[in-house]
N, C-alpha and C. Protein backbone atom coordinates (compact mmCIF):
# COMPACT_ATOMS: atom_id res chain seq x y z
N MET A 1 143.87 116.62 71.10
CA MET A 1 143.45 116.23 69.77
C MET A 1 143.56 117.46 68.86
N ASN A 2 144.35 117.32 67.81
CA ASN A 2 144.55 118.46 66.92
C ASN A 2 143.33 118.66 66.01
N PRO A 3 143.22 119.83 65.39
CA PRO A 3 142.03 120.12 64.57
C PRO A 3 141.84 119.18 63.39
N ARG A 4 142.92 118.70 62.79
CA ARG A 4 142.80 117.80 61.64
C ARG A 4 142.15 116.47 62.04
N LEU A 5 142.57 115.94 63.18
CA LEU A 5 141.97 114.69 63.66
C LEU A 5 140.52 114.90 64.09
N ARG A 6 140.23 116.05 64.66
CA ARG A 6 138.86 116.35 65.05
C ARG A 6 137.96 116.46 63.81
N LEU A 7 138.45 117.13 62.77
CA LEU A 7 137.68 117.21 61.52
C LEU A 7 137.51 115.84 60.87
N LEU A 8 138.53 115.03 60.96
CA LEU A 8 138.45 113.68 60.41
C LEU A 8 137.41 112.85 61.16
N ALA A 9 137.37 112.99 62.48
CA ALA A 9 136.37 112.26 63.27
C ALA A 9 134.96 112.73 62.92
N TRP A 10 134.76 114.04 62.77
CA TRP A 10 133.45 114.57 62.40
C TRP A 10 133.05 114.14 60.99
N THR A 11 134.03 114.10 60.10
CA THR A 11 133.75 113.66 58.73
C THR A 11 133.30 112.20 58.73
N ASN A 12 133.95 111.36 59.52
CA ASN A 12 133.56 109.96 59.60
C ASN A 12 132.16 109.80 60.19
N ARG A 13 131.84 110.59 61.21
CA ARG A 13 130.50 110.52 61.80
C ARG A 13 129.43 110.98 60.81
N LEU A 14 129.70 112.08 60.13
CA LEU A 14 128.74 112.58 59.15
C LEU A 14 128.57 111.61 57.98
N THR A 15 129.66 110.95 57.60
CA THR A 15 129.57 109.95 56.53
C THR A 15 128.67 108.79 56.96
N ALA A 16 128.84 108.33 58.18
CA ALA A 16 128.01 107.24 58.70
C ALA A 16 126.54 107.66 58.77
N LEU A 17 126.28 108.86 59.27
CA LEU A 17 124.90 109.34 59.36
C LEU A 17 124.27 109.52 57.98
N THR A 18 125.04 110.03 57.04
CA THR A 18 124.53 110.21 55.68
C THR A 18 124.22 108.87 55.03
N LEU A 19 125.09 107.90 55.24
CA LEU A 19 124.87 106.58 54.67
C LEU A 19 123.64 105.91 55.28
N VAL A 20 123.46 106.05 56.59
CA VAL A 20 122.28 105.50 57.24
C VAL A 20 121.02 106.19 56.72
N ALA A 21 121.06 107.51 56.59
CA ALA A 21 119.90 108.24 56.07
C ALA A 21 119.59 107.86 54.63
N LEU A 22 120.63 107.67 53.84
CA LEU A 22 120.43 107.29 52.45
C LEU A 22 119.81 105.91 52.33
N LEU A 23 120.33 104.95 53.07
CA LEU A 23 119.79 103.59 53.01
C LEU A 23 118.38 103.51 53.60
N THR A 24 118.15 104.19 54.70
CA THR A 24 116.82 104.16 55.31
C THR A 24 115.82 104.94 54.47
N GLY A 25 116.24 106.07 53.95
CA GLY A 25 115.34 106.90 53.16
C GLY A 25 114.96 106.26 51.84
N THR A 26 115.89 105.60 51.19
CA THR A 26 115.55 104.96 49.93
C THR A 26 114.63 103.77 50.16
N THR A 27 114.80 103.09 51.26
CA THR A 27 113.91 101.98 51.58
C THR A 27 112.51 102.49 51.92
N ALA A 28 112.43 103.58 52.67
CA ALA A 28 111.13 104.12 53.07
C ALA A 28 110.40 104.75 51.89
N ALA A 29 111.11 105.40 51.00
CA ALA A 29 110.47 106.11 49.89
C ALA A 29 110.21 105.20 48.69
N PHE A 30 110.75 103.98 48.72
CA PHE A 30 110.60 103.11 47.56
C PHE A 30 109.15 102.65 47.38
N GLY A 31 108.49 102.29 48.46
CA GLY A 31 107.13 101.76 48.34
C GLY A 31 106.12 102.79 47.88
N GLY A 32 106.23 104.00 48.36
CA GLY A 32 105.26 105.02 48.01
C GLY A 32 105.63 105.82 46.78
N ARG A 33 106.86 105.78 46.39
CA ARG A 33 107.37 106.57 45.26
C ARG A 33 106.92 108.02 45.38
N VAL A 34 107.35 108.62 46.47
CA VAL A 34 106.96 110.00 46.76
C VAL A 34 107.72 110.96 45.85
N TRP A 35 107.18 112.16 45.70
CA TRP A 35 107.73 113.13 44.76
C TRP A 35 109.09 113.67 45.19
N TRP A 36 109.36 113.67 46.49
CA TRP A 36 110.60 114.26 46.98
C TRP A 36 111.75 113.27 47.02
N ALA A 37 111.50 112.01 46.76
CA ALA A 37 112.54 111.00 46.90
C ALA A 37 113.74 111.22 45.97
N PRO A 38 113.56 111.49 44.66
CA PRO A 38 114.76 111.67 43.81
C PRO A 38 115.64 112.85 44.25
N ALA A 39 115.02 113.93 44.67
CA ALA A 39 115.82 115.08 45.11
C ALA A 39 116.60 114.78 46.38
N VAL A 40 115.95 114.14 47.33
CA VAL A 40 116.62 113.82 48.60
C VAL A 40 117.72 112.80 48.38
N ILE A 41 117.46 111.80 47.55
CA ILE A 41 118.48 110.79 47.28
C ILE A 41 119.67 111.42 46.56
N GLY A 42 119.41 112.35 45.65
CA GLY A 42 120.49 113.04 44.96
C GLY A 42 121.33 113.88 45.91
N VAL A 43 120.67 114.61 46.80
CA VAL A 43 121.40 115.45 47.76
C VAL A 43 122.22 114.60 48.72
N LEU A 44 121.64 113.51 49.21
CA LEU A 44 122.38 112.64 50.13
C LEU A 44 123.55 111.95 49.43
N SER A 45 123.37 111.57 48.18
CA SER A 45 124.48 110.96 47.43
C SER A 45 125.60 111.97 47.20
N LEU A 46 125.22 113.20 46.87
CA LEU A 46 126.22 114.25 46.69
C LEU A 46 126.96 114.53 48.00
N ALA A 47 126.23 114.54 49.10
CA ALA A 47 126.86 114.76 50.41
C ALA A 47 127.82 113.62 50.74
N LEU A 48 127.44 112.40 50.39
CA LEU A 48 128.31 111.26 50.65
C LEU A 48 129.61 111.35 49.86
N VAL A 49 129.52 111.75 48.60
CA VAL A 49 130.72 111.92 47.78
C VAL A 49 131.58 113.07 48.32
N ALA A 50 130.95 114.18 48.68
CA ALA A 50 131.70 115.32 49.21
C ALA A 50 132.40 114.96 50.52
N LEU A 51 131.73 114.22 51.38
CA LEU A 51 132.36 113.81 52.63
C LEU A 51 133.51 112.83 52.38
N GLY A 52 133.35 111.96 51.40
CA GLY A 52 134.44 111.04 51.07
C GLY A 52 135.66 111.78 50.54
N LEU A 53 135.43 112.77 49.68
CA LEU A 53 136.55 113.56 49.17
C LEU A 53 137.20 114.40 50.26
N THR A 54 136.39 114.88 51.20
CA THR A 54 136.93 115.63 52.33
C THR A 54 137.81 114.74 53.19
N ARG A 55 137.36 113.51 53.41
CA ARG A 55 138.15 112.57 54.20
C ARG A 55 139.48 112.27 53.52
N VAL A 56 139.45 112.08 52.21
CA VAL A 56 140.69 111.83 51.47
C VAL A 56 141.62 113.04 51.58
N LEU A 57 141.05 114.23 51.49
CA LEU A 57 141.86 115.45 51.60
C LEU A 57 142.49 115.57 52.99
N LEU A 58 141.72 115.24 54.04
CA LEU A 58 142.25 115.32 55.40
C LEU A 58 143.30 114.25 55.68
N GLU A 59 143.11 113.05 55.11
CA GLU A 59 144.09 111.99 55.33
C GLU A 59 145.37 112.22 54.54
N GLY A 60 145.26 112.87 53.40
CA GLY A 60 146.43 113.19 52.60
C GLY A 60 146.86 112.09 51.64
N SER A 61 146.07 111.05 51.50
CA SER A 61 146.43 110.00 50.55
C SER A 61 145.16 109.42 49.93
N MET A 62 145.32 108.97 48.71
CA MET A 62 144.19 108.35 48.02
C MET A 62 144.62 106.95 47.62
N GLY A 63 144.25 105.96 48.43
CA GLY A 63 144.68 104.59 48.21
C GLY A 63 144.01 103.93 47.03
N GLY A 64 142.88 104.43 46.60
CA GLY A 64 142.15 103.81 45.50
C GLY A 64 142.86 103.90 44.17
N LEU A 65 143.75 104.85 44.01
CA LEU A 65 144.46 104.99 42.74
C LEU A 65 145.50 103.90 42.54
N LYS A 66 145.92 103.24 43.60
CA LYS A 66 146.93 102.19 43.50
C LYS A 66 146.30 100.82 43.24
N SER A 67 145.00 100.76 43.26
CA SER A 67 144.31 99.49 43.08
C SER A 67 144.30 99.08 41.61
N PRO A 68 144.33 97.79 41.33
CA PRO A 68 144.24 97.35 39.94
C PRO A 68 142.85 97.55 39.35
N LEU A 69 141.86 97.80 40.19
CA LEU A 69 140.50 98.03 39.70
C LEU A 69 140.27 99.47 39.26
N THR A 70 141.26 100.34 39.43
CA THR A 70 141.10 101.73 39.04
C THR A 70 140.85 101.86 37.54
N ALA A 71 141.59 101.12 36.74
CA ALA A 71 141.42 101.20 35.28
C ALA A 71 140.03 100.71 34.89
N LEU A 72 139.53 99.67 35.54
CA LEU A 72 138.19 99.17 35.26
C LEU A 72 137.13 100.20 35.62
N GLY A 73 137.32 100.88 36.72
CA GLY A 73 136.39 101.94 37.12
C GLY A 73 136.39 103.10 36.15
N VAL A 74 137.57 103.48 35.69
CA VAL A 74 137.66 104.57 34.71
C VAL A 74 136.98 104.17 33.40
N LEU A 75 137.17 102.92 32.98
CA LEU A 75 136.49 102.44 31.78
C LEU A 75 134.97 102.43 31.94
N ALA A 76 134.48 102.07 33.11
CA ALA A 76 133.05 102.06 33.35
C ALA A 76 132.47 103.47 33.31
N VAL A 77 133.18 104.43 33.88
CA VAL A 77 132.73 105.82 33.84
C VAL A 77 132.75 106.35 32.42
N ALA A 78 133.78 105.99 31.65
CA ALA A 78 133.85 106.42 30.25
C ALA A 78 132.72 105.82 29.43
N LEU A 79 132.40 104.56 29.67
CA LEU A 79 131.28 103.93 28.97
C LEU A 79 129.96 104.61 29.32
N ALA A 80 129.78 104.94 30.58
CA ALA A 80 128.56 105.65 30.98
C ALA A 80 128.47 107.02 30.32
N ALA A 81 129.59 107.72 30.22
CA ALA A 81 129.60 109.04 29.58
C ALA A 81 129.25 108.92 28.10
N VAL A 82 129.78 107.90 27.44
CA VAL A 82 129.48 107.70 26.02
C VAL A 82 128.00 107.36 25.83
N GLN A 83 127.45 106.55 26.72
CA GLN A 83 126.06 106.17 26.60
C GLN A 83 125.11 107.33 26.90
N LEU A 84 125.54 108.27 27.73
CA LEU A 84 124.69 109.42 28.06
C LEU A 84 124.77 110.52 27.01
N ALA A 85 125.80 110.51 26.20
CA ALA A 85 125.96 111.56 25.19
C ALA A 85 124.87 111.43 24.12
N PRO A 86 124.30 112.54 23.71
CA PRO A 86 123.27 112.47 22.66
C PRO A 86 123.89 112.10 21.32
N MET A 87 123.21 111.24 20.61
CA MET A 87 123.68 110.80 19.29
C MET A 87 122.84 111.47 18.20
N PRO A 88 123.41 111.64 17.01
CA PRO A 88 122.63 112.18 15.90
C PRO A 88 121.48 111.24 15.54
N GLY A 89 120.46 111.78 14.91
CA GLY A 89 119.28 111.01 14.58
C GLY A 89 119.52 109.88 13.60
N ARG A 90 120.50 109.98 12.74
CA ARG A 90 120.74 108.96 11.71
C ARG A 90 121.43 107.73 12.26
N LEU A 91 122.00 107.80 13.44
CA LEU A 91 122.66 106.62 14.01
C LEU A 91 121.62 105.81 14.69
């Protein structure tokens, strides 16, 4: 097994563990609304995105760009960015 395939297997395992921790942790922290929940959820979400990008880098292809839903996703991100931008007080 070459190193690239070994890294890909570890990336897949870590992605699965991160996803399980994220889903279990958000369910467990939802009822009590503990102080550490937003930070942990943010870190786990960031780890999930980083692992996904690592997997794409190791595979060498990004199939999501060929999808017809890519333009819709880009529009949704642009709308979110516009809504998050601060507006002047007169608007």
